[in-house]
Amino acid sequence: MASVRISSVIDAPVEKVWARIRDFNGLPNWHPRMVESHIEDGKAATDIGAVRNFKVASGATIREKLVAFSDDDFLTTYSIIGHPAPISSHTSTLRLERVTDGDRTYAVWTAEFDAPAEKADEIAKGMGENVFQGGFNALKNHFGGSFVGNG
């Protein structure tokens, strides 16, 4: 099983960062690689089992299912159920934590998935750099901070 773990510090209070990212259907509002999204079957974006269907800037369509969501824990977990890359058994979690020093946010985005051995490293690298770090960079730019953590 391949895994990815990317972390960052965002120069904004956790409540503000969470308010920006908590909408499971809202990726295009904050992530530069996501261009359109909708929730299938009329479910709410916070309903466990909701499926978001979105397009990325390259034109690919991805479907993801919400498997956990917590406003109290600033956490969302989802699984990819449709993707052009050869991956399966995927689970990702995006979690925010309060950094009390400066009222900042520690963000961690992880994923585990199965992929053919010859493709796993390439897929993990793309997911980590383009999706996870790309999202964190967009959040840091949005909140006007340039602080880079060692996490």
N, C-alpha and C. Protein backbone atom coordinates (compact mmCIF):
# COMPACT_ATOMS: atom_id res chain seq x y z
N MET A 1 0.85 -1.18 0.00
CA MET A 1 0.00 0.00 0.00
C MET A 1 0.89 1.24 0.00
N ALA A 2 0.62 2.17 -0.90
CA ALA A 2 1.37 3.43 -0.98
C ALA A 2 0.78 4.42 0.02
N SER A 3 1.62 5.34 0.46
CA SER A 3 1.12 6.36 1.38
C SER A 3 1.77 7.70 1.09
N VAL A 4 1.05 8.75 1.47
CA VAL A 4 1.50 10.13 1.30
C VAL A 4 1.17 10.86 2.59
N ARG A 5 2.07 11.72 3.03
CA ARG A 5 1.80 12.58 4.18
C ARG A 5 2.46 13.93 3.93
N ILE A 6 1.64 14.96 3.84
CA ILE A 6 2.12 16.32 3.61
C ILE A 6 1.57 17.18 4.74
N SER A 7 2.41 18.06 5.29
CA SER A 7 1.95 18.94 6.36
C SER A 7 2.46 20.35 6.10
N SER A 8 1.77 21.30 6.72
CA SER A 8 2.13 22.69 6.53
C SER A 8 1.59 23.52 7.70
N VAL A 9 2.11 24.71 7.84
CA VAL A 9 1.59 25.66 8.82
C VAL A 9 1.02 26.83 8.04
N ILE A 10 -0.22 27.16 8.36
CA ILE A 10 -0.93 28.24 7.69
C ILE A 10 -1.09 29.38 8.69
N ASP A 11 -0.75 30.57 8.28
CA ASP A 11 -0.73 31.73 9.17
C ASP A 11 -2.12 32.34 9.32
N ALA A 12 -3.01 31.54 9.92
CA ALA A 12 -4.39 31.97 10.19
C ALA A 12 -4.96 31.07 11.27
N PRO A 13 -5.94 31.54 12.03
CA PRO A 13 -6.56 30.71 13.06
C PRO A 13 -7.26 29.49 12.44
N VAL A 14 -7.26 28.40 13.17
CA VAL A 14 -7.82 27.14 12.67
C VAL A 14 -9.28 27.31 12.24
N GLU A 15 -10.05 28.11 12.96
CA GLU A 15 -11.46 28.28 12.60
C GLU A 15 -11.61 28.93 11.22
N LYS A 16 -10.74 29.87 10.89
CA LYS A 16 -10.81 30.54 9.58
C LYS A 16 -10.40 29.58 8.46
N VAL A 17 -9.35 28.81 8.70
CA VAL A 17 -8.92 27.86 7.68
C VAL A 17 -10.00 26.80 7.47
N TRP A 18 -10.56 26.28 8.57
CA TRP A 18 -11.61 25.28 8.48
C TRP A 18 -12.83 25.83 7.73
N ALA A 19 -13.20 27.07 8.00
CA ALA A 19 -14.34 27.67 7.32
C ALA A 19 -14.10 27.70 5.81
N ARG A 20 -12.88 27.86 5.38
CA ARG A 20 -12.55 27.92 3.95
C ARG A 20 -12.60 26.54 3.30
N ILE A 21 -12.22 25.49 4.03
CA ILE A 21 -12.07 24.17 3.39
C ILE A 21 -13.15 23.15 3.75
N ARG A 22 -14.01 23.44 4.71
CA ARG A 22 -14.91 22.42 5.26
C ARG A 22 -15.96 21.92 4.27
N ASP A 23 -16.31 22.72 3.28
CA ASP A 23 -17.33 22.32 2.31
C ASP A 23 -16.76 21.24 1.38
N PHE A 24 -17.26 20.02 1.51
CA PHE A 24 -16.78 18.89 0.71
C PHE A 24 -16.96 19.16 -0.79
N ASN A 25 -17.89 20.00 -1.13
CA ASN A 25 -18.15 20.35 -2.53
C ASN A 25 -17.42 21.63 -2.94
N GLY A 26 -16.64 22.23 -2.05
CA GLY A 26 -16.07 23.54 -2.30
C GLY A 26 -14.64 23.58 -2.79
N LEU A 27 -14.08 22.48 -3.24
CA LEU A 27 -12.69 22.49 -3.70
C LEU A 27 -12.38 23.61 -4.70
N PRO A 28 -13.23 23.84 -5.71
CA PRO A 28 -12.91 24.90 -6.66
C PRO A 28 -12.83 26.30 -6.03
N ASN A 29 -13.40 26.47 -4.85
CA ASN A 29 -13.36 27.77 -4.18
C ASN A 29 -12.02 28.08 -3.54
N TRP A 30 -11.20 27.03 -3.30
CA TRP A 30 -9.93 27.30 -2.64
C TRP A 30 -8.73 26.57 -3.23
N HIS A 31 -8.95 25.55 -4.03
CA HIS A 31 -7.83 24.79 -4.60
C HIS A 31 -7.67 25.12 -6.08
N PRO A 32 -6.52 25.63 -6.49
CA PRO A 32 -6.35 26.10 -7.87
C PRO A 32 -6.42 25.01 -8.94
N ARG A 33 -6.25 23.75 -8.59
CA ARG A 33 -6.28 22.67 -9.59
C ARG A 33 -7.69 22.13 -9.84
N MET A 34 -8.65 22.53 -9.01
CA MET A 34 -10.01 22.03 -9.14
C MET A 34 -10.89 23.10 -9.78
N VAL A 35 -11.61 22.73 -10.83
CA VAL A 35 -12.32 23.77 -11.59
C VAL A 35 -13.84 23.72 -11.47
N GLU A 36 -14.43 22.59 -11.17
CA GLU A 36 -15.87 22.52 -10.97
C GLU A 36 -16.19 21.27 -10.15
N SER A 37 -17.30 21.34 -9.40
CA SER A 37 -17.66 20.23 -8.53
C SER A 37 -19.15 20.23 -8.27
N HIS A 38 -19.69 19.04 -8.10
CA HIS A 38 -21.08 18.92 -7.64
C HIS A 38 -21.22 17.66 -6.80
N ILE A 39 -22.20 17.69 -5.90
CA ILE A 39 -22.52 16.53 -5.08
C ILE A 39 -23.61 15.75 -5.80
N GLU A 40 -23.39 14.46 -5.94
CA GLU A 40 -24.35 13.60 -6.63
C GLU A 40 -25.55 13.30 -5.74
N ASP A 41 -26.66 12.98 -6.34
CA ASP A 41 -27.87 12.48 -5.67
C ASP A 41 -28.47 13.43 -4.65
N GLY A 42 -28.20 14.73 -4.77
CA GLY A 42 -28.86 15.71 -3.93
C GLY A 42 -28.52 15.67 -2.45
N LYS A 43 -27.45 15.00 -2.08
CA LYS A 43 -27.05 14.95 -0.66
C LYS A 43 -26.39 16.26 -0.26
N ALA A 44 -26.36 16.49 1.04
CA ALA A 44 -25.64 17.65 1.56
C ALA A 44 -24.15 17.34 1.56
N ALA A 45 -23.34 18.38 1.46
CA ALA A 45 -21.88 18.21 1.40
C ALA A 45 -21.30 17.65 2.69
N THR A 46 -22.06 17.67 3.78
CA THR A 46 -21.56 17.12 5.05
C THR A 46 -22.16 15.76 5.37
N ASP A 47 -22.99 15.21 4.48
CA ASP A 47 -23.59 13.89 4.71
C ASP A 47 -22.56 12.80 4.46
N ILE A 48 -22.32 11.96 5.45
CA ILE A 48 -21.44 10.82 5.24
C ILE A 48 -22.04 9.98 4.11
N GLY A 49 -21.19 9.62 3.16
CA GLY A 49 -21.65 8.91 1.98
C GLY A 49 -21.88 9.81 0.78
N ALA A 50 -21.84 11.13 0.98
CA ALA A 50 -21.98 12.06 -0.15
C ALA A 50 -20.84 11.83 -1.13
N VAL A 51 -21.15 11.91 -2.42
CA VAL A 51 -20.14 11.73 -3.46
C VAL A 51 -19.97 13.05 -4.21
N ARG A 52 -18.72 13.56 -4.19
CA ARG A 52 -18.44 14.75 -4.99
C ARG A 52 -17.84 14.30 -6.31
N ASN A 53 -18.27 14.95 -7.34
CA ASN A 53 -17.84 14.66 -8.70
C ASN A 53 -17.22 15.96 -9.20
N PHE A 54 -15.92 15.96 -9.44
CA PHE A 54 -15.28 17.22 -9.81
C PHE A 54 -14.27 17.02 -10.94
N LYS A 55 -13.97 18.15 -11.57
CA LYS A 55 -12.98 18.17 -12.64
C LYS A 55 -11.76 18.94 -12.16
N VAL A 56 -10.60 18.45 -12.61
CA VAL A 56 -9.36 19.14 -12.34
C VAL A 56 -8.97 19.95 -13.57
N ALA A 57 -8.01 20.85 -13.41
CA ALA A 57 -7.62 21.75 -14.48
C ALA A 57 -7.20 21.00 -15.76
N SER A 58 -6.67 19.79 -15.61
CA SER A 58 -6.24 19.00 -16.77
C SER A 58 -7.42 18.43 -17.55
N GLY A 59 -8.63 18.50 -16.96
CA GLY A 59 -9.82 17.97 -17.62
C GLY A 59 -10.29 16.64 -17.07
N ALA A 60 -9.48 15.99 -16.26
CA ALA A 60 -9.87 14.70 -15.68
C ALA A 60 -11.02 14.87 -14.70
N THR A 61 -11.88 13.85 -14.63
CA THR A 61 -12.98 13.83 -13.68
C THR A 61 -12.65 12.85 -12.56
N ILE A 62 -12.92 13.26 -11.33
CA ILE A 62 -12.64 12.43 -10.15
C ILE A 62 -13.91 12.37 -9.31
N ARG A 63 -14.19 11.20 -8.75
CA ARG A 63 -15.31 11.03 -7.83
C ARG A 63 -14.77 10.57 -6.49
N GLU A 64 -15.23 11.25 -5.42
CA GLU A 64 -14.78 10.92 -4.07
C GLU A 64 -15.98 10.84 -3.14
N LYS A 65 -15.89 9.92 -2.20
CA LYS A 65 -16.98 9.68 -1.24
C LYS A 65 -16.55 10.12 0.15
N LEU A 66 -17.39 10.92 0.81
CA LEU A 66 -17.12 11.39 2.17
C LEU A 66 -17.35 10.24 3.14
N VAL A 67 -16.31 9.92 3.93
CA VAL A 67 -16.44 8.82 4.89
C VAL A 67 -16.37 9.26 6.34
N ALA A 68 -15.85 10.46 6.60
CA ALA A 68 -15.85 11.01 7.96
C ALA A 68 -15.78 12.52 7.85
N PHE A 69 -16.45 13.20 8.79
CA PHE A 69 -16.47 14.66 8.80
C PHE A 69 -16.71 15.11 10.23
N SER A 70 -15.90 16.07 10.70
CA SER A 70 -16.08 16.57 12.07
C SER A 70 -15.70 18.04 12.16
N ASP A 71 -16.71 18.88 12.45
CA ASP A 71 -16.41 20.28 12.72
C ASP A 71 -15.63 20.42 14.02
N ASP A 72 -15.91 19.57 15.00
CA ASP A 72 -15.21 19.64 16.29
C ASP A 72 -13.73 19.31 16.17
N ASP A 73 -13.39 18.35 15.30
CA ASP A 73 -12.01 17.92 15.13
C ASP A 73 -11.33 18.53 13.90
N PHE A 74 -12.05 19.39 13.16
CA PHE A 74 -11.51 20.01 11.94
C PHE A 74 -10.95 18.93 11.01
N LEU A 75 -11.78 17.97 10.67
CA LEU A 75 -11.33 16.78 9.95
C LEU A 75 -12.32 16.35 8.88
N THR A 76 -11.78 15.95 7.76
CA THR A 76 -12.58 15.33 6.71
C THR A 76 -11.79 14.15 6.14
N THR A 77 -12.48 13.03 5.96
CA THR A 77 -11.87 11.84 5.37
C THR A 77 -12.73 11.42 4.19
N TYR A 78 -12.08 11.04 3.12
CA TYR A 78 -12.80 10.64 1.91
C TYR A 78 -12.05 9.52 1.20
N SER A 79 -12.77 8.85 0.31
CA SER A 79 -12.13 7.82 -0.51
C SER A 79 -12.40 8.12 -1.97
N ILE A 80 -11.38 7.89 -2.79
CA ILE A 80 -11.55 8.06 -4.23
C ILE A 80 -12.27 6.82 -4.75
N ILE A 81 -13.37 7.05 -5.46
CA ILE A 81 -14.12 5.93 -6.04
C ILE A 81 -14.11 5.96 -7.56
N GLY A 82 -13.55 7.00 -8.14
CA GLY A 82 -13.40 7.09 -9.59
C GLY A 82 -12.27 8.05 -9.93
N HIS A 83 -11.25 7.56 -10.63
CA HIS A 83 -10.07 8.36 -10.92
C HIS A 83 -9.40 7.79 -12.17
N PRO A 84 -8.83 8.62 -13.02
CA PRO A 84 -8.16 8.08 -14.21
C PRO A 84 -6.90 7.28 -13.91
N ALA A 85 -6.25 7.52 -12.77
CA ALA A 85 -5.05 6.75 -12.41
C ALA A 85 -5.47 5.38 -11.88
N PRO A 86 -4.61 4.38 -12.01
CA PRO A 86 -4.93 3.02 -11.55
C PRO A 86 -4.75 2.87 -10.04
N ILE A 87 -5.68 3.46 -9.26
CA ILE A 87 -5.60 3.33 -7.81
C ILE A 87 -6.87 2.69 -7.28
N SER A 88 -6.74 2.06 -6.12
CA SER A 88 -7.90 1.45 -5.45
C SER A 88 -7.65 1.50 -3.95
N SER A 89 -8.66 1.15 -3.19
CA SER A 89 -8.57 1.13 -1.72
C SER A 89 -7.99 2.43 -1.17
N HIS A 90 -8.42 3.54 -1.72
CA HIS A 90 -7.90 4.85 -1.35
C HIS A 90 -8.65 5.44 -0.15
N THR A 91 -7.90 6.03 0.77
CA THR A 91 -8.46 6.82 1.87
C THR A 91 -7.55 8.01 2.11
N SER A 92 -8.14 9.21 2.17
CA SER A 92 -7.40 10.43 2.48
C SER A 92 -8.05 11.14 3.65
N THR A 93 -7.24 11.77 4.46
CA THR A 93 -7.73 12.59 5.56
C THR A 93 -7.04 13.94 5.52
N LEU A 94 -7.83 14.99 5.64
CA LEU A 94 -7.33 16.34 5.78
C LEU A 94 -7.75 16.80 7.17
N ARG A 95 -6.75 17.10 8.00
CA ARG A 95 -7.03 17.47 9.41
C ARG A 95 -6.27 18.74 9.75
N LEU A 96 -6.94 19.61 10.48
CA LEU A 96 -6.35 20.85 10.95
C LEU A 96 -6.20 20.80 12.46
N GLU A 97 -5.13 21.40 12.96
CA GLU A 97 -4.92 21.49 14.40
C GLU A 97 -4.51 22.92 14.72
N ARG A 98 -4.88 23.35 15.91
CA ARG A 98 -4.55 24.70 16.37
C ARG A 98 -3.07 24.77 16.77
N VAL A 99 -2.39 25.80 16.27
CA VAL A 99 -1.05 26.13 16.74
C VAL A 99 -1.24 27.35 17.63
N THR A 100 -1.01 27.18 18.92
CA THR A 100 -1.26 28.27 19.86
C THR A 100 -0.22 29.37 19.76
N ASP A 101 0.97 29.05 19.29
CA ASP A 101 2.03 30.05 19.10
C ASP A 101 1.70 30.87 17.85
N GLY A 102 1.10 32.02 18.05
CA GLY A 102 0.77 32.88 16.92
C GLY A 102 -0.61 32.65 16.34
N ASP A 103 -1.42 31.79 16.97
CA ASP A 103 -2.78 31.50 16.50
C ASP A 103 -2.78 31.10 15.02
N ARG A 104 -1.96 30.10 14.71
CA ARG A 104 -1.84 29.58 13.35
C ARG A 104 -2.48 28.19 13.28
N THR A 105 -2.40 27.60 12.11
CA THR A 105 -3.00 26.28 11.88
C THR A 105 -1.95 25.31 11.36
N TYR A 106 -1.92 24.14 11.97
CA TYR A 106 -1.10 23.03 11.47
C TYR A 106 -2.03 22.15 10.66
N ALA A 107 -1.70 21.95 9.41
CA ALA A 107 -2.55 21.16 8.50
C ALA A 107 -1.79 19.91 8.07
N VAL A 108 -2.49 18.77 8.10
CA VAL A 108 -1.91 17.50 7.68
C VAL A 108 -2.88 16.84 6.72
N TRP A 109 -2.36 16.43 5.56
CA TRP A 109 -3.17 15.75 4.56
C TRP A 109 -2.47 14.43 4.25
N THR A 110 -3.16 13.34 4.47
CA THR A 110 -2.58 12.02 4.28
C THR A 110 -3.41 11.20 3.30
N ALA A 111 -2.79 10.20 2.73
CA ALA A 111 -3.50 9.27 1.85
C ALA A 111 -2.81 7.92 1.90
N GLU A 112 -3.62 6.88 1.76
CA GLU A 112 -3.14 5.52 1.55
C GLU A 112 -3.94 4.94 0.42
N PHE A 113 -3.28 4.17 -0.45
CA PHE A 113 -3.97 3.59 -1.59
C PHE A 113 -3.15 2.45 -2.17
N ASP A 114 -3.83 1.62 -2.92
CA ASP A 114 -3.16 0.56 -3.68
C ASP A 114 -3.01 1.04 -5.12
N ALA A 115 -1.88 0.68 -5.71
CA ALA A 115 -1.60 1.00 -7.11
C ALA A 115 -0.60 -0.02 -7.63
N PRO A 116 -0.53 -0.20 -8.93
CA PRO A 116 0.51 -1.09 -9.47
C PRO A 116 1.89 -0.61 -9.01
N ALA A 117 2.74 -1.55 -8.65
CA ALA A 117 4.05 -1.23 -8.08
C ALA A 117 4.83 -0.23 -8.92
N GLU A 118 4.76 -0.36 -10.23
CA GLU A 118 5.54 0.52 -11.11
C GLU A 118 4.97 1.93 -11.20
N LYS A 119 3.76 2.14 -10.71
CA LYS A 119 3.11 3.46 -10.77
C LYS A 119 2.94 4.12 -9.40
N ALA A 120 3.06 3.36 -8.32
CA ALA A 120 2.72 3.85 -6.98
C ALA A 120 3.51 5.09 -6.57
N ASP A 121 4.83 5.08 -6.76
CA ASP A 121 5.64 6.23 -6.36
C ASP A 121 5.27 7.48 -7.14
N GLU A 122 5.06 7.33 -8.43
CA GLU A 122 4.70 8.46 -9.29
C GLU A 122 3.35 9.04 -8.88
N ILE A 123 2.38 8.19 -8.61
CA ILE A 123 1.05 8.64 -8.20
C ILE A 123 1.14 9.34 -6.84
N ALA A 124 1.87 8.74 -5.90
CA ALA A 124 2.01 9.33 -4.57
C ALA A 124 2.69 10.70 -4.66
N LYS A 125 3.71 10.82 -5.47
CA LYS A 125 4.42 12.09 -5.63
C LYS A 125 3.49 13.15 -6.19
N GLY A 126 2.74 12.81 -7.23
CA GLY A 126 1.81 13.77 -7.83
C GLY A 126 0.72 14.19 -6.86
N MET A 127 0.19 13.23 -6.11
CA MET A 127 -0.84 13.53 -5.13
C MET A 127 -0.28 14.46 -4.05
N GLY A 128 0.90 14.16 -3.56
CA GLY A 128 1.49 14.97 -2.51
C GLY A 128 1.86 16.37 -2.95
N GLU A 129 2.52 16.47 -4.10
CA GLU A 129 2.99 17.78 -4.57
C GLU A 129 1.87 18.62 -5.17
N ASN A 130 1.12 18.03 -6.07
CA ASN A 130 0.13 18.81 -6.82
C ASN A 130 -1.16 19.05 -6.06
N VAL A 131 -1.67 18.02 -5.42
CA VAL A 131 -2.96 18.14 -4.73
C VAL A 131 -2.76 18.67 -3.31
N PHE A 132 -2.04 17.95 -2.49
CA PHE A 132 -1.94 18.30 -1.08
C PHE A 132 -1.13 19.59 -0.88
N GLN A 133 0.13 19.62 -1.32
CA GLN A 133 0.94 20.82 -1.13
C GLN A 133 0.38 21.98 -1.95
N GLY A 134 -0.15 21.70 -3.13
CA GLY A 134 -0.77 22.76 -3.93
C GLY A 134 -1.93 23.40 -3.20
N GLY A 135 -2.73 22.60 -2.49
CA GLY A 135 -3.83 23.14 -1.70
C GLY A 135 -3.33 23.96 -0.53
N PHE A 136 -2.31 23.46 0.15
CA PHE A 136 -1.75 24.20 1.28
C PHE A 136 -1.15 25.54 0.82
N ASN A 137 -0.46 25.52 -0.32
CA ASN A 137 0.11 26.76 -0.84
C ASN A 137 -0.99 27.77 -1.14
N ALA A 138 -2.10 27.31 -1.72
CA ALA A 138 -3.22 28.20 -2.02
C ALA A 138 -3.81 28.78 -0.73
N LEU A 139 -3.91 27.97 0.30
CA LEU A 139 -4.43 28.46 1.58
C LEU A 139 -3.48 29.49 2.19
N LYS A 140 -2.18 29.22 2.14
CA LYS A 140 -1.21 30.17 2.68
C LYS A 140 -1.28 31.49 1.92
N ASN A 141 -1.39 31.42 0.61
CA ASN A 141 -1.51 32.64 -0.19
C ASN A 141 -2.79 33.39 0.14
N HIS A 142 -3.89 32.67 0.29
CA HIS A 142 -5.18 33.28 0.59
C HIS A 142 -5.13 34.05 1.91
N PHE A 143 -4.50 33.45 2.90
CA PHE A 143 -4.46 34.07 4.22
C PHE A 143 -3.28 35.03 4.38
N GLY A 144 -2.52 35.22 3.30
CA GLY A 144 -1.47 36.23 3.30
C GLY A 144 -0.20 35.86 4.03
N GLY A 145 -0.06 34.62 4.42
CA GLY A 145 1.14 34.21 5.15
C GLY A 145 2.10 33.47 4.25
N SER A 146 3.35 33.56 4.57
CA SER A 146 4.35 32.83 3.82
C SER A 146 5.15 31.92 4.72
N PHE A 147 4.69 31.72 5.96
CA PHE A 147 5.38 30.87 6.92
C PHE A 147 5.43 29.44 6.40
N VAL A 148 6.60 28.85 6.40
CA VAL A 148 6.75 27.46 5.97
C VAL A 148 7.20 26.64 7.16
N GLY A 149 6.43 25.62 7.51
CA GLY A 149 6.78 24.78 8.64
C GLY A 149 7.66 23.62 8.26
N ASN A 150 8.17 22.96 9.25
CA ASN A 150 9.03 21.80 9.02
C ASN A 150 8.27 20.50 9.12
N GLY A 151 6.95 20.55 9.34
CA GLY A 151 6.13 19.40 9.63
C GLY A 151 6.14 18.35 8.66
